[in-house]
Structures are given as structure tokens and as C-alpha cells.
Amino acid sequence: MNLKETNDAINQQSHIGVQKFADERIQEQCHETLFRCQQLDATDIKVDVINGVVELRGYAQNQKAIQVAESCIGSIKGIIDIHNNLQLRQIRKEHLS
């Protein structure tokens, strides 16, 4: 590996480290924002962030809550895109004996 290739590899490693830190910060801000949002119960919402792309997973109580979750985090700085994969929570009916 020549000097330029070594320098490029170091720069790429630095970028990966910076991006990982940025992703972690975005994830923390998403969690905080979702839990502060009074229009939804964020207990069952998971947030993953890779290279500024946020994925929401888990369950919401209704269709409006799914939309609210995305709109709540939409203005967080650093987010490039949001993949909203939230599903409606299934209500289980228990059988009485």
C-alpha cells in the first residue's frame, strides 16, 4: 500500500468513526423526541440509524401514531431519510374460562 492509499484508508476510517458518532447522536435525539411526543406511546418503537438513514421499527397503537412518529423526528438535524416500518399493534382478545 502506498502513502496515498494509506492516507485514503485513514480518512475513510475517520469518516466511519465520525458517521458512527453522528448516527448515535441522531438515534438518541430520535428516542428523546419520540418519548416526549404526547401524541403517541413510544414504548414499543425501536430506532436504528445507519449513515443518517433512520429506520423506525416496532408497534404503534393506530395509523395516526405511525404518521406522528415520523413527523416528530422529521426535523432532527442530520437525518437523510426515514424508513417508517412501524406496524399496528395487534389487540389480543383473551378467552375467558
C-alpha atoms as a PDB file:
ATOM      1  CA  MET A   1       0.000   0.000   0.000  1.00  0.00           C
ATOM      2  CA  ASN A   2       1.491   3.357  -0.992  1.00  0.00           C
ATOM      3  CA  LEU A   3       1.241   6.586   1.009  1.00  0.00           C
ATOM      4  CA  LYS A   4      -1.854   7.852  -0.840  1.00  0.00           C
ATOM      5  CA  GLU A   5      -3.705   4.554  -0.325  1.00  0.00           C
ATOM      6  CA  THR A   6      -2.728   4.572   3.351  1.00  0.00           C
ATOM      7  CA  ASN A   7      -3.908   8.168   3.751  1.00  0.00           C
ATOM      8  CA  ASP A   8      -7.189   7.363   1.942  1.00  0.00           C
ATOM      9  CA  ALA A   9      -7.734   4.367   4.229  1.00  0.00           C
ATOM     10  CA  ILE A  10      -7.105   6.530   7.323  1.00  0.00           C
ATOM     11  CA  ASN A  11      -9.505   9.205   6.045  1.00  0.00           C
ATOM     12  CA  GLN A  12     -12.149   6.570   5.372  1.00  0.00           C
ATOM     13  CA  GLN A  13     -11.720   5.144   8.894  1.00  0.00           C
ATOM     14  CA  SER A  14     -12.034   8.680  10.334  1.00  0.00           C
ATOM     15  CA  HIS A  15     -15.198   9.283   8.299  1.00  0.00           C
ATOM     16  CA  ILE A  16     -16.666   5.996   9.528  1.00  0.00           C
ATOM     17  CA  GLY A  17     -15.930   6.968  13.134  1.00  0.00           C
ATOM     18  CA  VAL A  18     -17.463  10.411  12.692  1.00  0.00           C
ATOM     19  CA  GLN A  19     -20.522   8.962  10.951  1.00  0.00           C
ATOM     20  CA  LYS A  20     -20.977   6.359  13.685  1.00  0.00           C
ATOM     21  CA  PHE A  21     -20.900   9.129  16.294  1.00  0.00           C
ATOM     22  CA  ALA A  22     -23.373  11.180  14.253  1.00  0.00           C
ATOM     23  CA  ASP A  23     -25.667   8.151  13.884  1.00  0.00           C
ATOM     24  CA  GLU A  24     -25.582   7.533  17.641  1.00  0.00           C
ATOM     25  CA  ARG A  25     -26.445  11.181  18.308  1.00  0.00           C
ATOM     26  CA  ILE A  26     -29.329  11.059  15.810  1.00  0.00           C
ATOM     27  CA  GLN A  27     -30.584   7.851  17.438  1.00  0.00           C
ATOM     28  CA  GLU A  28     -30.515   9.448  20.906  1.00  0.00           C
ATOM     29  CA  GLN A  29     -32.355  12.518  19.641  1.00  0.00           C
ATOM     30  CA  CYS A  30     -34.972  10.334  17.959  1.00  0.00           C
ATOM     31  CA  HIS A  31     -35.568   8.382  21.179  1.00  0.00           C
ATOM     32  CA  GLU A  32     -35.849  11.558  23.249  1.00  0.00           C
ATOM     33  CA  THR A  33     -38.184  13.203  20.744  1.00  0.00           C
ATOM     34  CA  LEU A  34     -40.445  10.166  20.420  1.00  0.00           C
ATOM     35  CA  PHE A  35     -40.752   9.739  24.184  1.00  0.00           C
ATOM     36  CA  ARG A  36     -41.537  13.445  24.666  1.00  0.00           C
ATOM     37  CA  CYS A  37     -44.227  13.372  21.973  1.00  0.00           C
ATOM     38  CA  GLN A  38     -47.544  13.341  23.810  1.00  0.00           C
ATOM     39  CA  GLN A  39     -49.480  12.154  20.760  1.00  0.00           C
ATOM     40  CA  LEU A  40     -48.087   8.620  20.852  1.00  0.00           C
ATOM     41  CA  ASP A  41     -46.861   5.838  23.101  1.00  0.00           C
ATOM     42  CA  ALA A  42     -43.262   5.233  22.013  1.00  0.00           C
ATOM     43  CA  THR A  43     -42.709   2.281  24.340  1.00  0.00           C
ATOM     44  CA  ASP A  44     -42.665  -0.277  21.504  1.00  0.00           C
ATOM     45  CA  ILE A  45     -40.816   1.857  18.927  1.00  0.00           C
ATOM     46  CA  LYS A  46     -37.226   0.947  18.061  1.00  0.00           C
ATOM     47  CA  VAL A  47     -34.895   3.315  16.212  1.00  0.00           C
ATOM     48  CA  ASP A  48     -31.905   2.296  14.092  1.00  0.00           C
ATOM     49  CA  VAL A  49     -29.680   4.767  12.247  1.00  0.00           C
ATOM     50  CA  ILE A  50     -27.139   3.959   9.545  1.00  0.00           C
ATOM     51  CA  ASN A  51     -25.401   6.760   7.660  1.00  0.00           C
ATOM     52  CA  GLY A  52     -28.126   9.230   8.587  1.00  0.00           C
ATOM     53  CA  VAL A  53     -30.964   6.968   7.454  1.00  0.00           C
ATOM     54  CA  VAL A  54     -33.412   6.307  10.276  1.00  0.00           C
ATOM     55  CA  GLU A  55     -35.475   3.131  10.465  1.00  0.00           C
ATOM     56  CA  LEU A  56     -38.473   3.051  12.788  1.00  0.00           C
ATOM     57  CA  ARG A  57     -39.496  -0.482  13.796  1.00  0.00           C
ATOM     58  CA  GLY A  58     -41.944  -1.909  16.252  1.00  0.00           C
ATOM     59  CA  TYR A  59     -45.549  -1.165  17.028  1.00  0.00           C
ATOM     60  CA  ALA A  60     -47.865   1.811  17.314  1.00  0.00           C
ATOM     61  CA  GLN A  61     -51.373   1.946  18.698  1.00  0.00           C
ATOM     62  CA  ASN A  62     -53.014   3.253  15.496  1.00  0.00           C
ATOM     63  CA  GLN A  63     -52.326   4.555  11.982  1.00  0.00           C
ATOM     64  CA  LYS A  64     -52.193   8.172  13.148  1.00  0.00           C
ATOM     65  CA  ALA A  65     -49.467   7.284  15.683  1.00  0.00           C
ATOM     66  CA  ILE A  66     -47.408   5.752  12.872  1.00  0.00           C
ATOM     67  CA  GLN A  67     -47.587   9.039  10.957  1.00  0.00           C
ATOM     68  CA  VAL A  68     -46.992  11.141  14.090  1.00  0.00           C
ATOM     69  CA  ALA A  69     -43.820   9.190  14.932  1.00  0.00           C
ATOM     70  CA  GLU A  70     -42.312  10.018  11.555  1.00  0.00           C
ATOM     71  CA  SER A  71     -43.346  13.665  11.645  1.00  0.00           C
ATOM     72  CA  CYS A  72     -41.995  14.100  15.201  1.00  0.00           C
ATOM     73  CA  ILE A  73     -38.458  13.131  14.206  1.00  0.00           C
ATOM     74  CA  GLY A  74     -38.553  14.636  10.714  1.00  0.00           C
ATOM     75  CA  SER A  75     -36.855  17.891  11.719  1.00  0.00           C
ATOM     76  CA  ILE A  76     -33.905  16.333  13.562  1.00  0.00           C
ATOM     77  CA  LYS A  77     -30.669  17.625  12.082  1.00  0.00           C
ATOM     78  CA  GLY A  78     -28.581  15.021  10.266  1.00  0.00           C
ATOM     79  CA  ILE A  79     -31.413  12.751   9.165  1.00  0.00           C
ATOM     80  CA  ILE A  80     -31.130  11.974   5.457  1.00  0.00           C
ATOM     81  CA  ASP A  81     -34.173   9.717   5.137  1.00  0.00           C
ATOM     82  CA  ILE A  82     -36.723   7.927   7.319  1.00  0.00           C
ATOM     83  CA  HIS A  83     -37.897   4.374   6.700  1.00  0.00           C
ATOM     84  CA  ASN A  84     -41.075   4.011   8.707  1.00  0.00           C
ATOM     85  CA  ASN A  85     -41.603   0.285   9.233  1.00  0.00           C
ATOM     86  CA  LEU A  86     -43.932   0.636  12.208  1.00  0.00           C
ATOM     87  CA  GLN A  87     -46.832  -1.771  12.377  1.00  0.00           C
ATOM     88  CA  LEU A  88     -50.192  -1.563  14.073  1.00  0.00           C
ATOM     89  CA  ARG A  89     -50.226  -3.192  17.469  1.00  0.00           C
ATOM     90  CA  GLN A  90     -52.463  -6.242  17.475  1.00  0.00           C
ATOM     91  CA  ILE A  91     -55.013  -6.308  20.244  1.00  0.00           C
ATOM     92  CA  ARG A  92     -55.287  -9.789  21.708  1.00  0.00           C
ATOM     93  CA  LYS A  93     -58.607 -10.969  22.975  1.00  0.00           C
ATOM     94  CA  GLU A  94     -58.230 -13.255  25.921  1.00  0.00           C
ATOM     95  CA  HIS A  95     -60.642 -16.115  26.230  1.00  0.00           C
ATOM     96  CA  LEU A  96     -62.488 -16.318  29.490  1.00  0.00           C
ATOM     97  CA  SER A  97     -62.880 -19.739  31.036  1.00  0.00           C
END
